Amino acid sequence: MDPGILFESKGGQSVMLAFLFAAVLAAQAPQSVYIEELTWPEIRDAIARGKTTAIIYTGSTEQNGPHMVTGKHNFIAHWVAGAIADSLKGRAGVSHLAVSRRRAT
């Protein structure tokens, strides 16, 4: 098969239609409350529309035994912060407190 061809003729149209349908649904999806999922123009526009509150959450990473992931508190904090932002009906965005040990050179 020629690597320049994206789809084979068998079923290619249905695959292309599925991608088109997914793109239309994504375009109609509500905008995320998570700042890290937005582009800077989307953030600028959200501020212009009156979204002026940022919810900054932190979690923790700790050992929980062999049955549980180490970042469960991060998952919980992420979900709760999003739920709070959703309850504020478009007046808030969510960001996390990221820590990096990288030194500037």
PDB file of N, CA and C in Angstrom:
ATOM      1  N   MET A   1       0.849  -1.182   0.000  1.00  0.00           N
ATOM      2  CA  MET A   1       0.000   0.000   0.000  1.00  0.00           C
ATOM      3  C   MET A   1       0.887   1.235   0.000  1.00  0.00           C
ATOM      4  N   ASP A   2       0.496   2.212  -0.780  1.00  0.00           N
ATOM      5  CA  ASP A   2       1.233   3.478  -0.872  1.00  0.00           C
ATOM      6  C   ASP A   2       1.101   4.228   0.442  1.00  0.00           C
ATOM      7  N   PRO A   3       2.226   4.599   1.094  1.00  0.00           N
ATOM      8  CA  PRO A   3       2.118   5.302   2.380  1.00  0.00           C
ATOM      9  C   PRO A   3       1.454   6.661   2.273  1.00  0.00           C
ATOM     10  N   GLY A   4       1.335   7.206   1.070  1.00  0.00           N
ATOM     11  CA  GLY A   4       0.685   8.495   0.896  1.00  0.00           C
ATOM     12  C   GLY A   4      -0.829   8.408   0.929  1.00  0.00           C
ATOM     13  N   ILE A   5      -1.369   7.193   0.862  1.00  0.00           N
ATOM     14  CA  ILE A   5      -2.824   7.001   0.876  1.00  0.00           C
ATOM     15  C   ILE A   5      -3.277   6.835   2.317  1.00  0.00           C
ATOM     16  N   LEU A   6      -4.237   7.621   2.740  1.00  0.00           N
ATOM     17  CA  LEU A   6      -4.704   7.553   4.122  1.00  0.00           C
ATOM     18  C   LEU A   6      -5.632   6.379   4.371  1.00  0.00           C
ATOM     19  N   PHE A   7      -6.517   6.100   3.433  1.00  0.00           N
ATOM     20  CA  PHE A   7      -7.498   5.049   3.623  1.00  0.00           C
ATOM     21  C   PHE A   7      -7.576   4.190   2.368  1.00  0.00           C
ATOM     22  N   GLU A   8      -7.844   2.917   2.571  1.00  0.00           N
ATOM     23  CA  GLU A   8      -8.114   2.062   1.423  1.00  0.00           C
ATOM     24  C   GLU A   8      -9.523   2.353   0.936  1.00  0.00           C
ATOM     25  N   SER A   9      -9.805   1.987  -0.302  1.00  0.00           N
ATOM     26  CA  SER A   9     -11.116   2.299  -0.860  1.00  0.00           C
ATOM     27  C   SER A   9     -12.232   1.543  -0.145  1.00  0.00           C
ATOM     28  N   LYS A  10     -11.950   0.363   0.398  1.00  0.00           N
ATOM     29  CA  LYS A  10     -12.981  -0.391   1.108  1.00  0.00           C
ATOM     30  C   LYS A  10     -13.268   0.273   2.451  1.00  0.00           C
ATOM     31  N   GLY A  11     -14.412   0.829   2.607  1.00  0.00           N
ATOM     32  CA  GLY A  11     -14.800   1.414   3.881  1.00  0.00           C
ATOM     33  C   GLY A  11     -14.147   2.752   4.181  1.00  0.00           C
ATOM     34  N   GLY A  12     -13.347   3.257   3.270  1.00  0.00           N
ATOM     35  CA  GLY A  12     -12.651   4.517   3.504  1.00  0.00           C
ATOM     36  C   GLY A  12     -13.592   5.686   3.706  1.00  0.00           C
ATOM     37  N   GLN A  13     -14.686   5.683   2.949  1.00  0.00           N
ATOM     38  CA  GLN A  13     -15.640   6.783   3.091  1.00  0.00           C
ATOM     39  C   GLN A  13     -16.310   6.758   4.455  1.00  0.00           C
ATOM     40  N   SER A  14     -16.614   5.571   4.955  1.00  0.00           N
ATOM     41  CA  SER A  14     -17.262   5.515   6.271  1.00  0.00           C
ATOM     42  C   SER A  14     -16.291   5.947   7.377  1.00  0.00           C
ATOM     43  N   VAL A  15     -15.004   5.627   7.222  1.00  0.00           N
ATOM     44  CA  VAL A  15     -14.015   6.069   8.208  1.00  0.00           C
ATOM     45  C   VAL A  15     -13.891   7.583   8.160  1.00  0.00           C
ATOM     46  N   MET A  16     -13.864   8.142   6.954  1.00  0.00           N
ATOM     47  CA  MET A  16     -13.760   9.594   6.795  1.00  0.00           C
ATOM     48  C   MET A  16     -14.982  10.282   7.392  1.00  0.00           C
ATOM     49  N   LEU A  17     -16.164   9.718   7.196  1.00  0.00           N
ATOM     50  CA  LEU A  17     -17.376  10.291   7.773  1.00  0.00           C
ATOM     51  C   LEU A  17     -17.351  10.221   9.299  1.00  0.00           C
ATOM     52  N   ALA A  18     -16.803   9.143   9.839  1.00  0.00           N
ATOM     53  CA  ALA A  18     -16.706   9.015  11.290  1.00  0.00           C
ATOM     54  C   ALA A  18     -15.796  10.104  11.860  1.00  0.00           C
ATOM     55  N   PHE A  19     -14.662  10.366  11.178  1.00  0.00           N
ATOM     56  CA  PHE A  19     -13.773  11.430  11.636  1.00  0.00           C
ATOM     57  C   PHE A  19     -14.451  12.796  11.545  1.00  0.00           C
ATOM     58  N   LEU A  20     -15.199  13.025  10.474  1.00  0.00           N
ATOM     59  CA  LEU A  20     -15.915  14.282  10.299  1.00  0.00           C
ATOM     60  C   LEU A  20     -16.956  14.460  11.403  1.00  0.00           C
ATOM     61  N   PHE A  21     -17.699  13.398  11.693  1.00  0.00           N
ATOM     62  CA  PHE A  21     -18.704  13.444  12.746  1.00  0.00           C
ATOM     63  C   PHE A  21     -18.056  13.748  14.097  1.00  0.00           C
ATOM     64  N   ALA A  22     -16.931  13.104  14.396  1.00  0.00           N
ATOM     65  CA  ALA A  22     -16.223  13.346  15.653  1.00  0.00           C
ATOM     66  C   ALA A  22     -15.738  14.789  15.738  1.00  0.00           C
ATOM     67  N   ALA A  23     -15.265  15.336  14.616  1.00  0.00           N
ATOM     68  CA  ALA A  23     -14.790  16.723  14.611  1.00  0.00           C
ATOM     69  C   ALA A  23     -15.931  17.691  14.869  1.00  0.00           C
ATOM     70  N   VAL A  24     -17.097  17.421  14.297  1.00  0.00           N
ATOM     71  CA  VAL A  24     -18.270  18.283  14.512  1.00  0.00           C
ATOM     72  C   VAL A  24     -18.686  18.239  15.977  1.00  0.00           C
ATOM     73  N   LEU A  25     -18.698  17.050  16.565  1.00  0.00           N
ATOM     74  CA  LEU A  25     -19.050  16.934  17.989  1.00  0.00           C
ATOM     75  C   LEU A  25     -18.034  17.654  18.865  1.00  0.00           C
ATOM     76  N   ALA A  26     -16.765  17.540  18.533  1.00  0.00           N
ATOM     77  CA  ALA A  26     -15.730  18.210  19.326  1.00  0.00           C
ATOM     78  C   ALA A  26     -15.874  19.725  19.233  1.00  0.00           C
ATOM     79  N   ALA A  27     -16.231  20.226  18.071  1.00  0.00           N
ATOM     80  CA  ALA A  27     -16.391  21.669  17.885  1.00  0.00           C
ATOM     81  C   ALA A  27     -17.579  22.194  18.688  1.00  0.00           C
ATOM     82  N   GLN A  28     -18.568  21.344  18.929  1.00  0.00           N
ATOM     83  CA  GLN A  28     -19.746  21.761  19.670  1.00  0.00           C
ATOM     84  C   GLN A  28     -19.621  21.492  21.170  1.00  0.00           C
ATOM     85  N   ALA A  29     -18.556  20.829  21.575  1.00  0.00           N
ATOM     86  CA  ALA A  29     -18.373  20.491  22.988  1.00  0.00           C
ATOM     87  C   ALA A  29     -18.203  21.759  23.802  1.00  0.00           C
ATOM     88  N   PRO A  30     -18.719  21.762  25.028  1.00  0.00           N
ATOM     89  CA  PRO A  30     -18.540  22.943  25.871  1.00  0.00           C
ATOM     90  C   PRO A  30     -17.058  23.152  26.171  1.00  0.00           C
ATOM     91  N   GLN A  31     -16.691  24.417  26.350  1.00  0.00           N
ATOM     92  CA  GLN A  31     -15.303  24.745  26.623  1.00  0.00           C
ATOM     93  C   GLN A  31     -14.910  24.233  28.002  1.00  0.00           C
ATOM     94  N   SER A  32     -13.718  23.709  28.094  1.00  0.00           N
ATOM     95  CA  SER A  32     -13.228  23.151  29.350  1.00  0.00           C
ATOM     96  C   SER A  32     -13.066  24.235  30.411  1.00  0.00           C
ATOM     97  N   VAL A  33     -13.233  23.863  31.668  1.00  0.00           N
ATOM     98  CA  VAL A  33     -12.958  24.783  32.769  1.00  0.00           C
ATOM     99  C   VAL A  33     -11.492  24.689  33.187  1.00  0.00           C
ATOM    100  N   TYR A  34     -10.779  23.705  32.643  1.00  0.00           N
ATOM    101  CA  TYR A  34      -9.379  23.513  32.998  1.00  0.00           C
ATOM    102  C   TYR A  34      -8.485  24.371  32.107  1.00  0.00           C
ATOM    103  N   ILE A  35      -7.802  25.330  32.720  1.00  0.00           N
ATOM    104  CA  ILE A  35      -6.983  26.288  31.979  1.00  0.00           C
ATOM    105  C   ILE A  35      -5.931  25.576  31.143  1.00  0.00           C
ATOM    106  N   GLU A  36      -5.367  24.483  31.649  1.00  0.00           N
ATOM    107  CA  GLU A  36      -4.322  23.777  30.914  1.00  0.00           C
ATOM    108  C   GLU A  36      -4.824  23.143  29.614  1.00  0.00           C
ATOM    109  N   GLU A  37      -6.131  23.008  29.451  1.00  0.00           N
ATOM    110  CA  GLU A  37      -6.700  22.434  28.240  1.00  0.00           C
ATOM    111  C   GLU A  37      -7.074  23.501  27.212  1.00  0.00           C
ATOM    112  N   LEU A  38      -6.842  24.772  27.529  1.00  0.00           N
ATOM    113  CA  LEU A  38      -7.219  25.872  26.652  1.00  0.00           C
ATOM    114  C   LEU A  38      -5.996  26.490  25.986  1.00  0.00           C
ATOM    115  N   THR A  39      -6.219  27.079  24.839  1.00  0.00           N
ATOM    116  CA  THR A  39      -5.168  27.856  24.184  1.00  0.00           C
ATOM    117  C   THR A  39      -5.186  29.260  24.777  1.00  0.00           C
ATOM    118  N   TRP A  40      -4.129  30.021  24.561  1.00  0.00           N
ATOM    119  CA  TRP A  40      -4.122  31.373  25.143  1.00  0.00           C
ATOM    120  C   TRP A  40      -5.225  32.261  24.552  1.00  0.00           C
ATOM    121  N   PRO A  41      -5.604  32.139  23.263  1.00  0.00           N
ATOM    122  CA  PRO A  41      -6.741  32.957  22.796  1.00  0.00           C
ATOM    123  C   PRO A  41      -8.060  32.575  23.480  1.00  0.00           C
ATOM    124  N   GLU A  42      -8.235  31.287  23.790  1.00  0.00           N
ATOM    125  CA  GLU A  42      -9.453  30.875  24.502  1.00  0.00           C
ATOM    126  C   GLU A  42      -9.475  31.443  25.917  1.00  0.00           C
ATOM    127  N   ILE A  43      -8.307  31.491  26.561  1.00  0.00           N
ATOM    128  CA  ILE A  43      -8.217  32.077  27.906  1.00  0.00           C
ATOM    129  C   ILE A  43      -8.513  33.571  27.840  1.00  0.00           C
ATOM    130  N   ARG A  44      -7.924  34.254  26.870  1.00  0.00           N
ATOM    131  CA  ARG A  44      -8.166  35.699  26.696  1.00  0.00           C
ATOM    132  C   ARG A  44      -9.656  35.960  26.501  1.00  0.00           C
ATOM    133  N   ASP A  45     -10.299  35.172  25.640  1.00  0.00           N
ATOM    134  CA  ASP A  45     -11.718  35.366  25.361  1.00  0.00           C
ATOM    135  C   ASP A  45     -12.586  35.061  26.585  1.00  0.00           C
ATOM    136  N   ALA A  46     -12.182  34.053  27.371  1.00  0.00           N
ATOM    137  CA  ALA A  46     -12.934  33.723  28.585  1.00  0.00           C
ATOM    138  C   ALA A  46     -12.870  34.875  29.586  1.00  0.00           C
ATOM    139  N   ILE A  47     -11.699  35.483  29.718  1.00  0.00           N
ATOM    140  CA  ILE A  47     -11.559  36.635  30.617  1.00  0.00           C
ATOM    141  C   ILE A  47     -12.409  37.796  30.116  1.00  0.00           C
ATOM    142  N   ALA A  48     -12.410  38.006  28.796  1.00  0.00           N
ATOM    143  CA  ALA A  48     -13.216  39.090  28.218  1.00  0.00           C
ATOM    144  C   ALA A  48     -14.715  38.856  28.451  1.00  0.00           C
ATOM    145  N   ARG A  49     -15.128  37.589  28.538  1.00  0.00           N
ATOM    146  CA  ARG A  49     -16.537  37.259  28.799  1.00  0.00           C
ATOM    147  C   ARG A  49     -16.876  37.303  30.288  1.00  0.00           C
ATOM    148  N   GLY A  50     -15.901  37.633  31.142  1.00  0.00           N
ATOM    149  CA  GLY A  50     -16.200  37.787  32.555  1.00  0.00           C
ATOM    150  C   GLY A  50     -15.703  36.676  33.457  1.00  0.00           C
ATOM    151  N   LYS A  51     -14.977  35.706  32.909  1.00  0.00           N
ATOM    152  CA  LYS A  51     -14.428  34.644  33.752  1.00  0.00           C
ATOM    153  C   LYS A  51     -13.160  35.186  34.393  1.00  0.00           C
ATOM    154  N   THR A  52     -13.263  35.614  35.643  1.00  0.00           N
ATOM    155  CA  THR A  52     -12.137  36.292  36.288  1.00  0.00           C
ATOM    156  C   THR A  52     -11.654  35.588  37.549  1.00  0.00           C
ATOM    157  N   THR A  53     -12.180  34.423  37.844  1.00  0.00           N
ATOM    158  CA  THR A  53     -11.767  33.685  39.036  1.00  0.00           C
ATOM    159  C   THR A  53     -11.030  32.426  38.617  1.00  0.00           C
ATOM    160  N   ALA A  54      -9.890  32.177  39.250  1.00  0.00           N
ATOM    161  CA  ALA A  54      -9.136  30.946  39.004  1.00  0.00           C
ATOM    162  C   ALA A  54      -9.124  30.116  40.274  1.00  0.00           C
ATOM    163  N   ILE A  55      -9.480  28.862  40.148  1.00  0.00           N
ATOM    164  CA  ILE A  55      -9.401  27.923  41.265  1.00  0.00           C
ATOM    165  C   ILE A  55      -8.086  27.175  41.102  1.00  0.00           C
ATOM    166  N   ILE A  56      -7.198  27.345  42.048  1.00  0.00           N
ATOM    167  CA  ILE A  56      -5.896  26.679  41.986  1.00  0.00           C
ATOM    168  C   ILE A  56      -5.898  25.577  43.037  1.00  0.00           C
ATOM    169  N   TYR A  57      -5.754  24.356  42.580  1.00  0.00           N
ATOM    170  CA  TYR A  57      -5.822  23.227  43.499  1.00  0.00           C
ATOM    171  C   TYR A  57      -4.468  22.531  43.600  1.00  0.00           C
ATOM    172  N   THR A  58      -4.284  21.840  44.689  1.00  0.00           N
ATOM    173  CA  THR A  58      -3.102  20.997  44.853  1.00  0.00           C
ATOM    174  C   THR A  58      -3.548  19.642  45.369  1.00  0.00           C
ATOM    175  N   GLY A  59      -2.774  18.666  45.090  1.00  0.00           N
ATOM    176  CA  GLY A  59      -3.022  17.322  45.595  1.00  0.00           C
ATOM    177  C   GLY A  59      -1.725  16.820  46.190  1.00  0.00           C
ATOM    178  N   SER A  60      -1.619  15.532  46.276  1.00  0.00           N
ATOM    179  CA  SER A  60      -0.371  14.972  46.787  1.00  0.00           C
ATOM    180  C   SER A  60      -0.117  13.632  46.134  1.00  0.00           C
ATOM    181  N   THR A  61       1.119  13.227  46.201  1.00  0.00           N
ATOM    182  CA  THR A  61       1.513  11.911  45.713  1.00  0.00           C
ATOM    183  C   THR A  61       2.122  11.182  46.889  1.00  0.00           C
ATOM    184  N   GLU A  62       1.525  10.057  47.234  1.00  0.00           N
ATOM    185  CA  GLU A  62       2.032   9.312  48.377  1.00  0.00           C
ATOM    186  C   GLU A  62       1.777   7.828  48.197  1.00  0.00           C
ATOM    187  N   GLN A  63       2.514   7.066  48.900  1.00  0.00           N
ATOM    188  CA  GLN A  63       2.378   5.617  48.871  1.00  0.00           C
ATOM    189  C   GLN A  63       1.076   5.233  49.548  1.00  0.00           C
ATOM    190  N   ASN A  64       0.319   4.353  48.914  1.00  0.00           N
ATOM    191  CA  ASN A  64      -0.962   3.923  49.460  1.00  0.00           C
ATOM    192  C   ASN A  64      -1.084   2.413  49.558  1.00  0.00           C
ATOM    193  N   GLY A  65      -0.023   1.701  49.339  1.00  0.00           N
ATOM    194  CA  GLY A  65      -0.106   0.246  49.316  1.00  0.00           C
ATOM    195  C   GLY A  65      -0.252  -0.250  47.897  1.00  0.00           C
ATOM    196  N   PRO A  66      -0.209  -1.541  47.701  1.00  0.00           N
ATOM    197  CA  PRO A  66      -0.199  -2.103  46.351  1.00  0.00           C
ATOM    198  C   PRO A  66      -1.539  -2.006  45.617  1.00  0.00           C
ATOM    199  N   HIS A  67      -2.589  -1.658  46.301  1.00  0.00           N
ATOM    200  CA  HIS A  67      -3.923  -1.643  45.706  1.00  0.00           C
ATOM    201  C   HIS A  67      -4.327  -0.289  45.121  1.00  0.00           C
ATOM    202  N   MET A  68      -3.565   0.765  45.369  1.00  0.00           N
ATOM    203  CA  MET A  68      -4.009   2.115  45.022  1.00  0.00           C
ATOM    204  C   MET A  68      -2.894   2.887  44.332  1.00  0.00           C
ATOM    205  N   VAL A  69      -3.276   3.716  43.373  1.00  0.00           N
ATOM    206  CA  VAL A  69      -2.296   4.552  42.679  1.00  0.00           C
ATOM    207  C   VAL A  69      -1.754   5.619  43.625  1.00  0.00           C
ATOM    208  N   THR A  70      -0.538   6.073  43.370  1.00  0.00           N
ATOM    209  CA  THR A  70       0.084   7.046  44.260  1.00  0.00           C
ATOM    210  C   THR A  70      -0.487   8.450  44.105  1.00  0.00           C
ATOM    211  N   GLY A  71      -1.135   8.734  42.994  1.00  0.00           N
ATOM    212  CA  GLY A  71      -1.649  10.083  42.767  1.00  0.00           C
ATOM    213  C   GLY A  71      -3.132  10.243  43.014  1.00  0.00           C
ATOM    214  N   LYS A  72      -3.725   9.395  43.853  1.00  0.00           N
ATOM    215  CA  LYS A  72      -5.186   9.451  44.041  1.00  0.00           C
ATOM    216  C   LYS A  72      -5.651  10.814  44.546  1.00  0.00           C
ATOM    217  N   HIS A  73      -4.856  11.469  45.386  1.00  0.00           N
ATOM    218  CA  HIS A  73      -5.267  12.778  45.891  1.00  0.00           C
ATOM    219  C   HIS A  73      -5.265  13.818  44.779  1.00  0.00           C
ATOM    220  N   ASN A  74      -4.364  13.670  43.805  1.00  0.00           N
ATOM    221  CA  ASN A  74      -4.366  14.573  42.648  1.00  0.00           C
ATOM    222  C   ASN A  74      -5.626  14.370  41.809  1.00  0.00           C
ATOM    223  N   PHE A  75      -6.009  13.116  41.609  1.00  0.00           N
ATOM    224  CA  PHE A  75      -7.225  12.830  40.835  1.00  0.00           C
ATOM    225  C   PHE A  75      -8.448  13.430  41.519  1.00  0.00           C
ATOM    226  N   ILE A  76      -8.537  13.236  42.829  1.00  0.00           N
ATOM    227  CA  ILE A  76      -9.680  13.754  43.590  1.00  0.00           C
ATOM    228  C   ILE A  76      -9.707  15.280  43.544  1.00  0.00           C
ATOM    229  N   ALA A  77      -8.561  15.916  43.797  1.00  0.00           N
ATOM    230  CA  ALA A  77      -8.498  17.383  43.784  1.00  0.00           C
ATOM    231  C   ALA A  77      -8.860  17.933  42.411  1.00  0.00           C
ATOM    232  N   HIS A  78      -8.391  17.291  41.354  1.00  0.00           N
ATOM    233  CA  HIS A  78      -8.700  17.716  39.983  1.00  0.00           C
ATOM    234  C   HIS A  78     -10.209  17.670  39.745  1.00  0.00           C
ATOM    235  N   TRP A  79     -10.837  16.571  40.133  1.00  0.00           N
ATOM    236  CA  TRP A  79     -12.270  16.406  39.910  1.00  0.00           C
ATOM    237  C   TRP A  79     -13.071  17.406  40.742  1.00  0.00           C
ATOM    238  N   VAL A  80     -12.738  17.551  42.024  1.00  0.00           N
ATOM    239  CA  VAL A  80     -13.485  18.460  42.904  1.00  0.00           C
ATOM    240  C   VAL A  80     -13.351  19.902  42.409  1.00  0.00           C
ATOM    241  N   ALA A  81     -12.144  20.324  42.014  1.00  0.00           N
ATOM    242  CA  ALA A  81     -11.953  21.689  41.515  1.00  0.00           C
ATOM    243  C   ALA A  81     -12.784  21.923  40.253  1.00  0.00           C
ATOM    244  N   GLY A  82     -12.842  20.939  39.369  1.00  0.00           N
ATOM    245  CA  GLY A  82     -13.676  21.064  38.167  1.00  0.00           C
ATOM    246  C   GLY A  82     -15.149  21.156  38.496  1.00  0.00           C
ATOM    247  N   ALA A  83     -15.594  20.365  39.466  1.00  0.00           N
ATOM    248  CA  ALA A  83     -17.000  20.408  39.883  1.00  0.00           C
ATOM    249  C   ALA A  83     -17.353  21.765  40.482  1.00  0.00           C
ATOM    250  N   ILE A  84     -16.436  22.324  41.262  1.00  0.00           N
ATOM    251  CA  ILE A  84     -16.670  23.657  41.842  1.00  0.00           C
ATOM    252  C   ILE A  84     -16.767  24.695  40.729  1.00  0.00           C
ATOM    253  N   ALA A  85     -15.838  24.639  39.775  1.00  0.00           N
ATOM    254  CA  ALA A  85     -15.869  25.596  38.660  1.00  0.00           C
ATOM    255  C   ALA A  85     -17.156  25.455  37.859  1.00  0.00           C
ATOM    256  N   ASP A  86     -17.599  24.224  37.612  1.00  0.00           N
ATOM    257  CA  ASP A  86     -18.863  24.011  36.894  1.00  0.00           C
ATOM    258  C   ASP A  86     -20.034  24.607  37.664  1.00  0.00           C
ATOM    259  N   SER A  87     -20.015  24.499  38.984  1.00  0.00           N
ATOM    260  CA  SER A  87     -21.115  25.021  39.786  1.00  0.00           C
ATOM    261  C   SER A  87     -21.161  26.553  39.776  1.00  0.00           C
ATOM    262  N   LEU A  88     -20.040  27.182  39.451  1.00  0.00           N
ATOM    263  CA  LEU A  88     -20.004  28.647  39.388  1.00  0.00           C
ATOM    264  C   LEU A  88     -20.497  29.188  38.044  1.00  0.00           C
ATOM    265  N   LYS A  89     -20.987  28.309  37.208  1.00  0.00           N
ATOM    266  CA  LYS A  89     -21.650  28.676  35.945  1.00  0.00           C
ATOM    267  C   LYS A  89     -20.827  29.620  35.070  1.00  0.00           C
ATOM    268  N   GLY A  90     -19.595  29.220  34.763  1.00  0.00           N
ATOM    269  CA  GLY A  90     -18.790  29.979  33.812  1.00  0.00           C
ATOM    270  C   GLY A  90     -18.039  31.158  34.384  1.00  0.00           C
ATOM    271  N   ARG A  91     -18.030  31.306  35.697  1.00  0.00           N
ATOM    272  CA  ARG A  91     -17.322  32.442  36.289  1.00  0.00           C
ATOM    273  C   ARG A  91     -15.911  32.088  36.748  1.00  0.00           C
ATOM    274  N   ALA A  92     -15.519  30.810  36.615  1.00  0.00           N
ATOM    275  CA  ALA A  92     -14.213  30.413  37.132  1.00  0.00           C
ATOM    276  C   ALA A  92     -13.531  29.436  36.193  1.00  0.00           C
ATOM    277  N   GLY A  93     -12.218  29.439  36.259  1.00  0.00           N
ATOM    278  CA  GLY A  93     -11.398  28.464  35.552  1.00  0.00           C
ATOM    279  C   GLY A  93     -10.549  27.739  36.577  1.00  0.00           C
ATOM    280  N   VAL A  94      -9.998  26.606  36.197  1.00  0.00           N
ATOM    281  CA  VAL A  94      -9.244  25.775  37.127  1.00  0.00           C
ATOM    282  C   VAL A  94      -7.820  25.601  36.624  1.00  0.00           C
ATOM    283  N   SER A  95      -6.883  25.757  37.512  1.00  0.00           N
ATOM    284  CA  SER A  95      -5.488  25.480  37.213  1.00  0.00           C
ATOM    285  C   SER A  95      -4.901  24.709  38.389  1.00  0.00           C
ATOM    286  N   HIS A  96      -3.860  23.976  38.116  1.00  0.00           N
ATOM    287  CA  HIS A  96      -3.216  23.245  39.209  1.00  0.00           C
ATOM    288  C   HIS A  96      -1.895  23.914  39.551  1.00  0.00           C
ATOM    289  N   LEU A  97      -1.433  23.660  40.732  1.00  0.00           N
ATOM    290  CA  LEU A  97      -0.151  24.201  41.165  1.00  0.00           C
ATOM    291  C   LEU A  97       0.918  23.207  40.739  1.00  0.00           C
ATOM    292  N   ALA A  98       1.663  23.585  39.734  1.00  0.00           N
ATOM    293  CA  ALA A  98       2.709  22.700  39.213  1.00  0.00           C
ATOM    294  C   ALA A  98       4.048  23.089  39.825  1.00  0.00           C
ATOM    295  N   VAL A  99       4.807  22.105  40.174  1.00  0.00           N
ATOM    296  CA  VAL A  99       6.129  22.343  40.748  1.00  0.00           C
ATOM    297  C   VAL A  99       7.153  21.661  39.857  1.00  0.00           C
ATOM    298  N   SER A 100       8.188  22.374  39.521  1.00  0.00           N
ATOM    299  CA  SER A 100       9.249  21.817  38.685  1.00  0.00           C
ATOM    300  C   SER A 100      10.578  22.017  39.388  1.00  0.00           C
ATOM    301  N   ARG A 101      11.403  21.014  39.322  1.00  0.00           N
ATOM    302  CA  ARG A 101      12.726  21.124  39.924  1.00  0.00           C
ATOM    303  C   ARG A 101      13.774  21.517  38.872  1.00  0.00           C
ATOM    304  N   ARG A 102      13.347  21.885  37.719  1.00  0.00           N
ATOM    305  CA  ARG A 102      14.275  22.264  36.658  1.00  0.00           C
ATOM    306  C   ARG A 102      14.888  23.617  36.975  1.00  0.00           C
ATOM    307  N   ARG A 103      16.190  23.699  36.866  1.00  0.00           N
ATOM    308  CA  ARG A 103      16.888  24.963  37.125  1.00  0.00           C
ATOM    309  C   ARG A 103      17.103  25.704  35.821  1.00  0.00           C
ATOM    310  N   ALA A 104      16.980  27.023  35.897  1.00  0.00           N
ATOM    311  CA  ALA A 104      17.259  27.839  34.731  1.00  0.00           C
ATOM    312  C   ALA A 104      18.760  27.813  34.475  1.00  0.00           C
ATOM    313  N   THR A 105      19.110  27.808  33.214  1.00  0.00           N
ATOM    314  CA  THR A 105      20.546  27.795  32.882  1.00  0.00           C
ATOM    315  C   THR A 105      20.987  29.117  32.321  1.00  0.00           C
TER     316      THR A 105
END
